[in-house]
């Protein structure tokens, strides 16, 4: 059923709408004078409501910011990635492709593990920067850095291959923008199983589901005909 339409009777000031316009102009004028006074303050960011980018690049980026990716190296300069493919499997946008390669003799100074990524590609046009690849990596090899300027002039430049990912790591290391390693969540061990008793095993009682009562075993009720038949049979056996 439709709601009844109630006609509102406006006052004279509401019909003229002059008072509402004056209240809006007062608010706008107050913000204007606040920002105008802030323009004369010393400092790189003079206006508090707007950051002068790209002239001013001194703003600190949050440590949890997720920007352009890079592949890490260890202390000896070797590649940490083992090409397990976990990042490609968990990626919701399916923008990561990894091909595995095996380390040969004499390449111990290049790769830290027996397997390494022969090719590693990330399509930035499809990436949603969710950070799942960084969370699931067992070696903490792939990291979303703090580089936020991702504009490119062609589609090919938006595809990060292994060479670009390693260059991003070197650039972040030189600028001091490497992310600290994340603390792993401690794994809580499972509770111990109940020990066996001397008479036998301890059986766990299953709890009833909420809203459902336990069913009682239904006893079989014999019919009167069956009872009479058994009584006649017993009486015939006694007579014999």
Protein backbone atom coordinates (compact mmCIF):
# COMPACT_ATOMS: atom_id res chain seq x y z
CA UNK A 1 0.00 0.00 0.00
CA UNK A 2 1.38 3.38 -0.99
CA UNK A 3 2.14 5.93 1.69
CA UNK A 4 -0.12 8.99 1.80
CA UNK A 5 1.48 12.19 0.52
CA UNK A 6 1.61 14.88 3.19
CA UNK A 7 1.79 18.42 1.87
CA UNK A 8 4.14 20.58 3.93
CA UNK A 9 3.37 24.22 4.42
CA UNK A 10 6.54 26.31 4.15
CA UNK A 11 7.05 29.53 6.05
CA UNK A 12 7.82 32.86 4.40
CA UNK A 13 11.59 32.61 5.03
CA UNK A 14 11.67 29.07 3.64
CA UNK A 15 9.77 30.09 0.52
CA UNK A 16 12.10 33.02 -0.14
CA UNK A 17 15.13 30.75 0.58
CA UNK A 18 17.25 33.79 1.37
CA UNK A 19 18.17 32.68 4.89
CA UNK A 20 19.50 29.31 3.66
CA UNK A 21 21.64 31.05 1.04
CA UNK A 22 23.13 33.34 3.67
CA UNK A 23 23.99 30.38 5.93
CA UNK A 24 25.77 28.62 3.05
CA UNK A 25 27.72 31.80 2.15
CA UNK A 26 28.78 32.20 5.77
CA UNK A 27 30.21 28.67 5.83
CA UNK A 28 32.01 29.17 2.50
CA UNK A 29 33.45 32.51 3.60
CA UNK A 30 34.75 31.01 6.86
CA UNK A 31 36.65 28.27 4.97
CA UNK A 32 38.04 30.86 2.55
CA UNK A 33 39.54 33.02 5.31
CA UNK A 34 40.93 29.99 7.12
CA UNK A 35 42.80 28.80 4.01
CA UNK A 36 43.85 32.35 3.11
CA UNK A 37 45.55 32.81 6.49
CA UNK A 38 47.18 29.39 6.20
CA UNK A 39 48.81 30.39 2.89
CA UNK A 40 51.15 32.77 4.74
CA UNK A 41 52.43 30.18 7.18
CA UNK A 42 56.00 28.88 6.64
CA UNK A 43 56.45 25.30 5.62
CA UNK A 44 56.29 23.04 2.57
CA UNK A 45 52.56 22.35 2.93
CA UNK A 46 51.02 25.76 3.42
CA UNK A 47 47.36 24.96 2.75
CA UNK A 48 46.10 22.25 5.12
CA UNK A 49 43.29 21.09 2.85
CA UNK A 50 45.45 20.59 -0.28
CA UNK A 51 48.93 19.16 -0.86
CA UNK A 52 51.01 20.94 -3.49
CA UNK A 53 51.83 17.91 -5.65
CA UNK A 54 54.00 17.38 -7.71
CA UNK A 55 55.99 20.43 -6.60
CA UNK A 56 56.07 19.19 -3.02
CA UNK A 57 57.09 15.54 -2.58
CA UNK A 58 57.98 15.62 1.11
CA UNK A 59 54.80 13.98 2.33
CA UNK A 60 55.39 10.79 4.28
CA UNK A 61 53.76 7.65 2.90
CA UNK A 62 52.04 5.22 5.22
CA UNK A 63 54.12 2.11 6.03
CA UNK A 64 51.16 -0.11 5.08
CA UNK A 65 50.74 1.53 1.65
CA UNK A 66 50.66 -0.92 -1.27
CA UNK A 67 52.31 0.46 -4.40
CA UNK A 68 54.37 -0.92 -7.27
CA UNK A 69 55.80 -4.40 -6.79
CA UNK A 70 59.41 -5.53 -6.51
CA UNK A 71 61.26 -8.83 -6.01
CA UNK A 72 63.61 -8.96 -3.07
CA UNK A 73 67.16 -10.28 -2.79
CA UNK A 74 68.93 -11.67 0.25
CA UNK A 75 72.01 -10.26 1.98
CA UNK A 76 74.29 -11.94 -0.57
CA UNK A 77 72.43 -10.43 -3.53
CA UNK A 78 70.72 -13.66 -4.56
CA UNK A 79 67.12 -13.95 -5.71
CA UNK A 80 64.85 -15.17 -2.94
CA UNK A 81 61.85 -16.25 -5.04
CA UNK A 82 61.48 -20.03 -5.45
CA UNK A 83 58.76 -19.84 -8.17
CA UNK A 84 56.26 -21.82 -6.11
CA UNK A 85 53.36 -20.06 -7.86
CA UNK A 86 51.40 -19.31 -4.69
CA UNK A 87 51.09 -15.63 -5.61
CA UNK A 88 49.67 -16.49 -9.04
CA UNK A 89 47.17 -18.95 -7.55
CA UNK A 90 45.81 -16.61 -4.90
CA UNK A 91 45.69 -13.50 -7.10
CA UNK A 92 41.98 -12.59 -7.58
CA UNK A 93 42.72 -10.54 -10.72
CA UNK A 94 44.89 -13.28 -12.32
CA UNK A 95 47.54 -10.74 -13.27
CA UNK A 96 50.64 -12.76 -12.23
CA UNK A 97 52.34 -15.39 -14.39
CA UNK A 98 55.32 -17.37 -13.12
CA UNK A 99 57.46 -19.95 -14.90
CA UNK A 100 59.78 -22.14 -12.86
CA UNK A 101 63.39 -22.89 -13.68
CA UNK A 102 65.97 -25.17 -12.03
CA UNK A 103 69.28 -23.89 -10.78
CA UNK A 104 72.33 -25.31 -12.50
CA UNK A 105 75.80 -25.87 -11.13
CA UNK A 106 77.76 -22.69 -10.64
CA UNK A 107 74.65 -20.52 -10.16
CA UNK A 108 74.58 -20.69 -6.37
CA UNK A 109 75.62 -17.04 -6.19
CA UNK A 110 72.56 -15.95 -8.26
CA UNK A 111 69.69 -17.94 -6.76
CA UNK A 112 69.21 -18.82 -3.10
CA UNK A 113 67.12 -21.95 -3.79
CA UNK A 114 67.26 -24.87 -6.19
CA UNK A 115 64.34 -23.40 -8.15
CA UNK A 116 63.97 -19.84 -9.37
CA UNK A 117 61.54 -17.89 -11.59
CA UNK A 118 62.66 -18.17 -15.19
CA UNK A 119 60.02 -15.51 -16.00
CA UNK A 120 57.89 -13.38 -13.72
CA UNK A 121 55.28 -10.95 -15.05
CA UNK A 122 52.72 -8.69 -13.37
CA UNK A 123 50.09 -6.79 -15.35
CA UNK A 124 49.52 -3.49 -13.54
CA UNK A 125 46.42 -2.77 -15.61
CA UNK A 126 44.67 -5.77 -14.03
CA UNK A 127 46.25 -5.63 -10.57
CA UNK A 128 43.96 -4.37 -7.78
CA UNK A 129 46.81 -4.00 -5.23
CA UNK A 130 45.09 -6.21 -2.66
CA UNK A 131 48.37 -7.51 -1.20
CA UNK A 132 47.39 -11.20 -1.28
CA UNK A 133 50.58 -12.11 -3.15
CA UNK A 134 52.67 -10.44 -0.47
CA UNK A 135 50.77 -12.16 2.33
CA UNK A 136 50.94 -15.67 0.90
CA UNK A 137 54.59 -15.66 -0.22
CA UNK A 138 56.49 -18.19 1.94
CA UNK A 139 59.86 -16.50 1.34
CA UNK A 140 58.70 -12.86 1.54
CA UNK A 141 60.06 -12.44 -1.98
CA UNK A 142 57.38 -10.28 -3.61
CA UNK A 143 56.57 -6.99 -1.90
CA UNK A 144 54.27 -4.11 -2.77
CA UNK A 145 56.52 -1.08 -2.35
CA UNK A 146 55.80 2.61 -1.77
CA UNK A 147 56.01 3.79 -5.38
CA UNK A 148 52.65 5.38 -6.23
CA UNK A 149 53.37 7.05 -9.59
CA UNK A 150 52.10 4.30 -11.90
CA UNK A 151 51.17 6.31 -15.01
CA UNK A 152 52.55 4.92 -18.28
CA UNK A 153 52.37 5.93 -21.93
CA UNK A 154 51.76 2.45 -23.39
CA UNK A 155 50.31 -0.89 -22.36
CA UNK A 156 53.66 -2.65 -22.69
CA UNK A 157 55.19 -0.40 -20.02
CA UNK A 158 52.48 -1.46 -17.58
CA UNK A 159 53.67 -5.08 -17.65
CA UNK A 160 56.39 -5.62 -15.06
CA UNK A 161 58.77 -8.41 -15.98
CA UNK A 162 61.45 -9.92 -13.80
CA UNK A 163 64.07 -7.35 -14.82
CA UNK A 164 61.82 -4.41 -13.87
CA UNK A 165 60.87 -6.01 -10.58
CA UNK A 166 64.52 -6.43 -9.61
CA UNK A 167 65.26 -2.85 -10.70
CA UNK A 168 62.43 -1.64 -8.46
CA UNK A 169 64.09 -3.45 -5.55
CA UNK A 170 67.46 -1.81 -6.23
CA UNK A 171 65.81 1.62 -6.55
CA UNK A 172 63.89 1.18 -3.29
CA UNK A 173 67.07 0.02 -1.53
CA UNK A 174 69.06 3.02 -2.71
CA UNK A 175 66.30 5.43 -1.64
CA UNK A 176 65.78 3.69 1.70
CA UNK A 177 62.16 2.74 0.95
CA UNK A 178 62.38 -1.00 1.60
CA UNK A 179 59.60 -2.42 3.72
CA UNK A 180 60.62 -4.17 6.92
CA UNK A 181 59.83 -7.89 6.97
CA UNK A 182 56.42 -8.71 8.36
CA UNK A 183 56.02 -10.60 11.57
CA UNK A 184 54.56 -14.02 10.97
CA UNK A 185 51.42 -14.92 12.88
CA UNK A 186 52.28 -17.55 15.51
CA UNK A 187 50.71 -20.92 14.85
CA UNK A 188 48.69 -22.18 17.80
CA UNK A 189 49.17 -25.95 18.29
CA UNK A 190 46.16 -28.20 18.29
CA UNK A 191 44.83 -29.40 21.66
CA UNK A 192 46.10 -32.83 22.74
CA UNK A 193 43.94 -35.83 22.02
CA UNK A 194 42.29 -37.60 24.99
CA UNK A 195 44.27 -40.52 26.32
CA UNK A 196 42.94 -44.08 26.18
CA UNK A 197 41.45 -45.46 29.38
CA UNK A 198 42.30 -48.89 30.80
CA UNK A 199 38.91 -50.39 29.97
CA UNK A 200 38.86 -49.06 26.44
CA UNK A 201 38.76 -45.90 24.39
CA UNK A 202 37.08 -42.69 25.53
CA UNK A 203 34.17 -41.88 23.27
CA UNK A 204 33.29 -38.26 22.64
CA UNK A 205 29.61 -37.45 22.94
CA UNK A 206 28.30 -35.49 20.00
CA UNK A 207 26.55 -32.31 21.04
CA UNK A 208 23.11 -31.73 19.63
CA UNK A 209 22.72 -29.00 17.07
CA UNK A 210 21.10 -25.80 18.36
CA UNK A 211 17.34 -25.87 17.95
CA UNK A 212 17.20 -29.65 17.61
CA UNK A 213 16.36 -32.04 20.46
CA UNK A 214 18.02 -35.37 20.89
CA UNK A 215 16.04 -38.21 19.36
CA UNK A 216 15.13 -41.01 21.73
CA UNK A 217 15.37 -44.58 20.50
CA UNK A 218 11.97 -45.81 19.36
CA UNK A 219 10.98 -49.15 20.95
CA UNK A 220 9.26 -51.64 18.72
CA UNK A 221 5.73 -52.36 19.94
CA UNK A 222 4.45 -55.84 19.20
CA UNK A 223 0.93 -56.13 17.91
CA UNK A 224 -1.74 -58.16 19.77
CA UNK A 225 -1.85 -60.72 16.98
CA UNK A 226 1.85 -61.45 17.32
CA UNK A 227 1.49 -61.82 21.11
CA UNK A 228 -1.43 -64.28 20.76
CA UNK A 229 0.46 -66.31 18.14
CA UNK A 230 3.49 -66.70 20.40
CA UNK A 231 1.30 -67.68 23.37
CA UNK A 232 -0.52 -70.37 21.31
CA UNK A 233 2.80 -71.72 20.10
CA UNK A 234 4.17 -72.01 23.62
CA UNK A 235 0.96 -73.73 24.83
CA UNK A 236 1.14 -76.29 21.99
CA UNK A 237 4.74 -77.11 22.84
CA UNK A 238 3.81 -77.71 26.52
CA UNK A 239 1.00 -80.10 25.57
CA UNK A 240 3.40 -82.19 23.49
